[in-house]
Amino acid sequence: MLALGTRASAGVGVAISVTSIPAAAYLGVAAGLGELTTARGSLGVLGANVAMMVAGAAATLALQRIVMRRRVSRQGSDAS
């Protein structure tokens, strides 16, 4: 059960969009106007957002793996 279709998962998608799209848009506008210092700052914000999304996803998958292993081991010990 890697992904669950719930309201919470829809909220996560909205949160990701709210944090990443403005940073990416600002990066493009600043780069297009030639304001490289501002573009670098926006790239830093976007990079931090992406890094935190990856870290959060990795932590979530690790936790799911732990929970599933515990469930499987409990089922195995209950059957004996």
Foldseek 3Di string as FASTA:
>chain_A
DLDDPDVVVVVVVVVLCVQQVVLVVQLVVCVVVVVVVSNVVSVVSNVVSVVVVVVVSVVVVVVVVVVVVVVVVVVVVVVD
